[in-house]
């Protein structure tokens, strides 16, 4: 079957990568992934995940009624037709992860992964908005940054994607490593390390170690971006000393590769002058806050390292920043 640009998965492809079987030998193709019948779009592959608050299998019949192309399940749920389009696997989360890794393997675009104690969602939103004008861009919806959110985002990525932007979060140590290895980013960024979720760690160094797990999936020859102003900069830098990775930094520090030269708050936002790898750039953000300006220049640095045009990106940030800050916490 010839795969159209709007087709994400076919029954044959999905069965192959998950090791599952298509119930009643049903043939289908999906143009998106869904885990929630409330937001499901016609033609989606509904993934019946099991969680603490419910079992997606209870909603398979509803998903199919709403127009789902098929459902990824671990068993045939009650209330569905005998010939319902079901892809049956041993475990639906594992099946979603299999789809995610296959999607990553078939995409040749630049993958960027972002973590940090604060600022990762806003930075991801800024980066996705700025890159959208330069190529097909795919990014994590909302704060889909955990053990199901990251594979969901990957599995939803079309093979023609030019730029993938992924937010990766954690509450405990050991959670970022498998997600970073799934994304296999070309570029990673740690916005900052701060005592957030400190109750899960002995001290702040434990948080730095957990954030540093994002390096575990970074491809050989990849690029890492760290906050030069953060007290954990040297500690995190040291974790890369034996890796085939190039380190870059951002901040107000005079040695930062992306340096904040001037920050001027104004009644309608702020004006920013920066130097990004020896390239001067000036732009206006329609929201005030030095921390936002710093994350904006980190965004521009990542875009330049990904081969994008930072002048175009800066213009997009200025235009769209007001919309972004009203829908997400930076």
Protein backbone atom coordinates (compact mmCIF):
# COMPACT_ATOMS: atom_id res chain seq x y z
CA UNK A 1 0.00 0.00 0.00
CA UNK A 2 1.29 3.47 -0.86
CA UNK A 3 1.44 5.59 2.29
CA UNK A 4 -0.12 9.03 1.86
CA UNK A 5 1.22 12.03 3.72
CA UNK A 6 -1.83 12.02 6.00
CA UNK A 7 -1.49 8.36 6.94
CA UNK A 8 0.42 7.69 10.14
CA UNK A 9 0.07 3.92 10.56
CA UNK A 10 -1.45 1.07 8.56
CA UNK A 11 -2.70 -2.17 10.07
CA UNK A 12 0.18 -4.07 8.47
CA UNK A 13 2.90 -1.68 9.67
CA UNK A 14 1.52 -1.38 13.19
CA UNK A 15 1.22 -5.15 13.59
CA UNK A 16 4.79 -5.62 12.36
CA UNK A 17 6.45 -3.14 14.72
CA UNK A 18 4.41 -4.15 17.79
CA UNK A 19 4.42 -7.90 17.18
CA UNK A 20 0.64 -7.78 17.51
CA UNK A 21 -2.14 -9.29 15.43
CA UNK A 22 -5.06 -7.65 13.71
CA UNK A 23 -8.32 -9.05 15.05
CA UNK A 24 -10.52 -10.57 12.35
CA UNK A 25 -7.72 -9.69 9.88
CA UNK A 26 -9.09 -6.17 9.73
CA UNK A 27 -7.40 -3.70 7.40
CA UNK A 28 -7.21 -0.09 8.50
CA UNK A 29 -5.08 3.02 8.40
CA UNK A 30 -4.81 5.74 11.04
CA UNK A 31 -3.94 9.39 10.65
CA UNK A 32 -3.35 10.14 14.33
CA UNK A 33 -3.02 8.57 17.79
CA UNK A 34 -5.48 9.03 20.65
CA UNK A 35 -5.59 7.93 24.28
CA UNK A 36 -8.71 9.92 25.23
CA UNK A 37 -12.14 9.56 23.62
CA UNK A 38 -12.99 13.15 24.61
CA UNK A 39 -10.39 14.53 22.19
CA UNK A 40 -10.35 11.67 19.68
CA UNK A 41 -10.48 12.67 16.01
CA UNK A 42 -11.97 10.57 13.27
CA UNK A 43 -9.39 8.20 11.81
CA UNK A 44 -7.26 7.93 14.95
CA UNK A 45 -5.70 4.79 16.40
CA UNK A 46 -7.10 4.63 19.93
CA UNK A 47 -4.61 3.22 22.44
CA UNK A 48 -6.33 1.59 25.42
CA UNK A 49 -3.90 2.42 28.21
CA UNK A 50 -4.38 1.16 31.74
CA UNK A 51 -3.79 3.69 34.51
CA UNK A 52 -4.43 4.39 38.16
CA UNK A 53 -7.72 6.10 37.33
CA UNK A 54 -9.15 3.73 34.77
CA UNK A 55 -8.70 1.28 31.91
CA UNK A 56 -8.86 2.49 28.33
CA UNK A 57 -10.38 -0.84 27.30
CA UNK A 58 -13.62 0.36 28.88
CA UNK A 59 -13.80 3.09 26.22
CA UNK A 60 -12.88 1.14 23.09
CA UNK A 61 -16.48 0.75 21.93
CA UNK A 62 -17.04 4.48 22.39
CA UNK A 63 -13.82 5.28 20.51
CA UNK A 64 -14.85 3.15 17.54
CA UNK A 65 -18.30 4.70 17.57
CA UNK A 66 -16.73 8.15 17.42
CA UNK A 67 -14.77 7.19 14.31
CA UNK A 68 -11.52 5.66 15.49
CA UNK A 69 -9.84 3.74 12.68
CA UNK A 70 -8.81 0.98 15.11
CA UNK A 71 -7.90 0.36 18.72
CA UNK A 72 -4.68 -0.96 20.23
CA UNK A 73 -5.75 -3.40 22.96
CA UNK A 74 -4.43 -6.29 25.03
CA UNK A 75 -7.71 -8.23 24.73
CA UNK A 76 -11.04 -7.98 22.97
CA UNK A 77 -13.14 -5.63 25.14
CA UNK A 78 -16.80 -6.12 25.85
CA UNK A 79 -19.29 -4.33 23.69
CA UNK A 80 -17.34 -4.28 20.42
CA UNK A 81 -18.38 -5.93 17.17
CA UNK A 82 -17.01 -9.34 16.28
CA UNK A 83 -15.17 -7.84 13.31
CA UNK A 84 -14.01 -4.69 15.11
CA UNK A 85 -10.64 -3.30 13.91
CA UNK A 86 -8.45 -4.18 16.87
CA UNK A 87 -4.68 -4.58 17.06
CA UNK A 88 -4.09 -7.01 19.91
CA UNK A 89 -0.75 -6.87 21.77
CA UNK A 90 0.53 -8.22 25.06
CA UNK A 91 0.62 -4.81 26.75
CA UNK A 92 -0.72 -1.58 25.32
CA UNK A 93 1.91 0.72 26.86
CA UNK A 94 4.64 -1.51 25.44
CA UNK A 95 2.81 -1.45 22.12
CA UNK A 96 2.74 2.36 22.19
CA UNK A 97 6.47 2.37 22.96
CA UNK A 98 7.09 0.05 20.01
CA UNK A 99 5.22 2.43 17.72
CA UNK A 100 7.25 5.31 19.17
CA UNK A 101 10.61 3.69 18.49
CA UNK A 102 9.56 2.73 14.98
CA UNK A 103 8.41 6.29 14.29
CA UNK A 104 11.76 7.62 15.49
CA UNK A 105 13.68 5.13 13.35
CA UNK A 106 11.86 6.13 10.17
CA UNK A 107 12.25 9.90 10.65
CA UNK A 108 15.39 11.69 9.49
CA UNK A 109 14.56 15.08 10.97
CA UNK A 110 16.42 16.85 13.76
CA UNK A 111 15.22 15.78 17.21
CA UNK A 112 15.50 18.19 20.15
CA UNK A 113 14.79 17.13 23.76
CA UNK A 114 14.28 19.58 26.61
CA UNK A 115 14.24 19.08 30.36
CA UNK A 116 14.77 21.28 33.39
CA UNK A 117 13.37 22.01 36.81
CA UNK A 118 11.42 24.97 35.42
CA UNK A 119 10.86 26.44 31.98
CA UNK A 120 10.80 23.27 29.89
CA UNK A 121 7.18 23.52 28.75
CA UNK A 122 7.44 27.17 27.80
CA UNK A 123 10.76 26.62 26.04
CA UNK A 124 9.31 23.69 24.12
CA UNK A 125 6.36 25.84 23.05
CA UNK A 126 8.65 28.68 21.96
CA UNK A 127 10.85 26.33 19.98
CA UNK A 128 7.95 24.63 18.23
CA UNK A 129 6.43 28.00 17.28
CA UNK A 130 9.73 29.36 16.02
CA UNK A 131 10.56 26.26 13.98
CA UNK A 132 7.11 25.91 12.41
CA UNK A 133 7.97 28.64 9.91
CA UNK A 134 11.06 26.72 8.78
CA UNK A 135 9.84 23.17 8.25
CA UNK A 136 7.38 20.49 9.30
CA UNK A 137 7.55 20.60 13.07
CA UNK A 138 6.20 18.09 15.57
CA UNK A 139 6.14 18.79 19.32
CA UNK A 140 4.84 17.39 22.58
CA UNK A 141 1.24 18.50 23.19
CA UNK A 142 0.69 20.28 26.51
CA UNK A 143 3.04 18.75 29.10
CA UNK A 144 3.16 15.23 27.69
CA UNK A 145 6.57 14.55 29.17
CA UNK A 146 6.28 11.29 31.12
CA UNK A 147 6.40 7.51 30.55
CA UNK A 148 3.32 7.56 28.31
CA UNK A 149 3.44 11.17 27.09
CA UNK A 150 6.82 10.87 25.36
CA UNK A 151 6.02 7.63 23.47
CA UNK A 152 2.59 9.06 22.58
CA UNK A 153 4.29 12.11 21.04
CA UNK A 154 6.80 9.99 19.15
CA UNK A 155 4.21 7.52 17.88
CA UNK A 156 2.19 10.50 16.57
CA UNK A 157 5.13 11.84 14.53
CA UNK A 158 4.95 11.62 10.73
CA UNK A 159 8.00 10.30 8.95
CA UNK A 160 8.38 13.55 6.98
CA UNK A 161 8.95 15.65 10.10
CA UNK A 162 11.85 18.11 9.78
CA UNK A 163 12.04 19.07 13.46
CA UNK A 164 10.85 17.14 16.50
CA UNK A 165 10.67 18.96 19.84
CA UNK A 166 10.18 16.82 22.94
CA UNK A 167 9.69 17.77 26.56
CA UNK A 168 10.98 15.20 29.05
CA UNK A 169 10.11 15.42 32.74
CA UNK A 170 10.61 13.41 35.89
CA UNK A 171 9.59 13.06 39.51
CA UNK A 172 12.27 10.52 40.48
CA UNK A 173 15.71 9.45 39.37
CA UNK A 174 15.87 6.93 36.55
CA UNK A 175 12.79 8.23 34.73
CA UNK A 176 14.46 10.39 32.07
CA UNK A 177 17.01 7.84 30.79
CA UNK A 178 14.56 5.47 29.03
CA UNK A 179 12.64 8.39 27.54
CA UNK A 180 15.78 10.05 26.20
CA UNK A 181 16.92 6.76 24.71
CA UNK A 182 13.55 6.46 23.01
CA UNK A 183 13.77 9.95 21.47
CA UNK A 184 17.48 9.65 20.60
CA UNK A 185 17.82 13.43 20.32
CA UNK A 186 20.39 15.21 18.18
CA UNK A 187 20.25 18.17 20.57
CA UNK A 188 19.40 18.23 24.28
CA UNK A 189 18.80 21.17 26.59
CA UNK A 190 18.61 21.52 30.36
CA UNK A 191 16.92 24.85 31.11
CA UNK A 192 18.00 24.92 34.75
CA UNK A 193 18.40 22.82 37.89
CA UNK A 194 16.48 23.96 40.97
CA UNK A 195 15.03 22.33 44.12
CA UNK A 196 11.79 21.18 42.46
CA UNK A 197 10.55 17.71 43.52
CA UNK A 198 13.29 17.87 46.14
CA UNK A 199 11.21 15.59 48.36
CA UNK A 200 12.14 12.70 46.05
CA UNK A 201 15.88 13.30 46.42
CA UNK A 202 18.46 13.50 49.17
CA UNK A 203 19.67 16.86 47.93
CA UNK A 204 19.80 19.16 44.90
CA UNK A 205 22.69 17.21 43.41
CA UNK A 206 20.28 14.31 43.02
CA UNK A 207 18.08 16.55 40.89
CA UNK A 208 21.08 17.55 38.77
CA UNK A 209 21.91 13.86 38.28
CA UNK A 210 18.31 13.12 37.26
CA UNK A 211 18.23 15.99 34.76
CA UNK A 212 21.61 14.87 33.43
CA UNK A 213 20.03 11.57 32.39
CA UNK A 214 18.87 13.35 29.25
CA UNK A 215 22.44 12.90 28.00
CA UNK A 216 21.94 9.12 28.00
CA UNK A 217 19.95 9.16 24.78
CA UNK A 218 21.93 11.87 23.00
CA UNK A 219 23.30 10.54 19.72
CA UNK A 220 27.05 10.39 19.10
CA UNK A 221 28.15 13.67 17.62
CA UNK A 222 25.17 15.38 19.25
CA UNK A 223 24.98 18.75 20.96
CA UNK A 224 24.14 19.59 24.57
CA UNK A 225 22.95 23.00 25.78
CA UNK A 226 23.34 24.01 29.43
CA UNK A 227 22.53 27.10 31.47
CA UNK A 228 25.88 28.79 32.13
CA UNK A 229 24.37 30.89 34.92
CA UNK A 230 23.18 27.87 36.87
CA UNK A 231 25.28 26.65 39.80
CA UNK A 232 25.23 23.10 38.39
CA UNK A 233 26.76 24.07 35.05
CA UNK A 234 30.25 22.70 35.74
CA UNK A 235 28.86 19.58 37.39
CA UNK A 236 26.69 18.74 34.38
CA UNK A 237 29.46 19.72 31.96
CA UNK A 238 31.70 17.16 33.62
CA UNK A 239 29.21 14.39 32.81
CA UNK A 240 29.97 14.92 29.11
CA UNK A 241 33.77 14.81 29.29
CA UNK A 242 34.07 11.29 27.85
CA UNK A 243 31.28 11.65 25.29
CA UNK A 244 31.41 12.44 21.57
CA UNK A 245 29.25 15.47 22.25
CA UNK A 246 29.74 19.20 21.76
CA UNK A 247 28.73 21.41 24.67
CA UNK A 248 27.09 24.82 24.23
CA UNK A 249 25.77 27.21 26.85
CA UNK A 250 23.36 30.10 27.26
CA UNK A 251 22.97 32.84 29.84
CA UNK A 252 24.21 36.27 30.86
CA UNK A 253 27.67 34.84 31.59
CA UNK A 254 30.35 36.38 29.37
CA UNK A 255 31.50 32.93 28.22
CA UNK A 256 28.04 31.74 27.16
CA UNK A 257 27.67 30.74 23.50
CA UNK A 258 24.23 32.33 23.48
CA UNK A 259 24.66 35.45 25.60
CA UNK A 260 22.03 37.86 26.83
CA UNK A 261 23.55 41.26 26.03
CA UNK A 262 20.66 43.54 26.95
CA UNK A 263 17.30 43.02 28.57
CA UNK A 264 14.92 45.99 28.65
CA UNK A 265 11.49 45.56 30.26
CA UNK A 266 8.76 47.65 28.69
CA UNK A 267 5.05 48.20 29.20
CA UNK A 268 4.24 45.85 26.32
CA UNK A 269 6.81 43.14 27.11
CA UNK A 270 10.57 43.33 26.79
CA UNK A 271 13.30 44.04 24.28
CA UNK A 272 16.15 41.58 24.01
CA UNK A 273 19.60 41.88 22.47
CA UNK A 274 21.64 38.71 22.30
CA UNK A 275 24.69 37.21 20.68
CA UNK A 276 24.11 33.68 19.40
CA UNK A 277 27.40 32.04 18.37
CA UNK A 278 28.82 35.41 17.29
CA UNK A 279 25.62 36.40 15.48
CA UNK A 280 23.86 39.48 16.84
CA UNK A 281 20.09 39.29 17.13
CA UNK A 282 17.51 41.67 18.56
CA UNK A 283 13.85 40.91 19.14
CA UNK A 284 10.85 41.84 21.23
CA UNK A 285 8.86 39.49 23.43
CA UNK A 286 5.30 40.41 24.30
CA UNK A 287 5.83 39.29 27.86
CA UNK A 288 8.26 40.55 30.46
CA UNK A 289 10.58 38.37 32.50
CA UNK A 290 14.33 37.87 32.29
CA UNK A 291 13.96 34.11 32.72
CA UNK A 292 11.75 34.03 29.62
CA UNK A 293 14.31 36.06 27.69
CA UNK A 294 17.04 33.61 28.70
CA UNK A 295 14.96 30.64 27.60
CA UNK A 296 14.25 32.46 24.33
CA UNK A 297 17.94 32.83 23.54
CA UNK A 298 18.48 29.18 24.48
CA UNK A 299 15.73 28.37 22.01
CA UNK A 300 17.47 30.39 19.29
CA UNK A 301 20.75 28.61 20.03
CA UNK A 302 19.11 25.21 19.64
CA UNK A 303 17.46 26.29 16.39
CA UNK A 304 20.78 27.49 14.98
CA UNK A 305 22.45 24.20 15.97
CA UNK A 306 19.60 22.36 14.21
CA UNK A 307 20.35 24.26 11.00
CA UNK A 308 17.55 26.80 11.30
CA UNK A 309 17.58 30.54 10.69
CA UNK A 310 17.61 32.42 14.00
CA UNK A 311 16.50 35.72 12.45
CA UNK A 312 13.29 34.06 11.22
CA UNK A 313 12.96 32.28 14.56
CA UNK A 314 13.37 35.50 16.54
CA UNK A 315 10.68 37.19 14.47
CA UNK A 316 8.30 34.29 15.12
CA UNK A 317 8.95 34.50 18.86
CA UNK A 318 8.08 38.17 18.87
CA UNK A 319 4.85 37.58 16.99
CA UNK A 320 3.62 34.53 18.87
CA UNK A 321 4.97 34.95 22.38
CA UNK A 322 1.84 36.54 23.81
CA UNK A 323 -0.27 33.60 22.70
CA UNK A 324 2.20 31.12 24.16
CA UNK A 325 2.40 32.61 27.62
CA UNK A 326 -1.37 32.65 28.00
CA UNK A 327 -1.67 28.91 27.47
CA UNK A 328 1.31 27.49 29.33
CA UNK A 329 3.36 28.10 32.43
CA UNK A 330 6.88 29.19 31.62
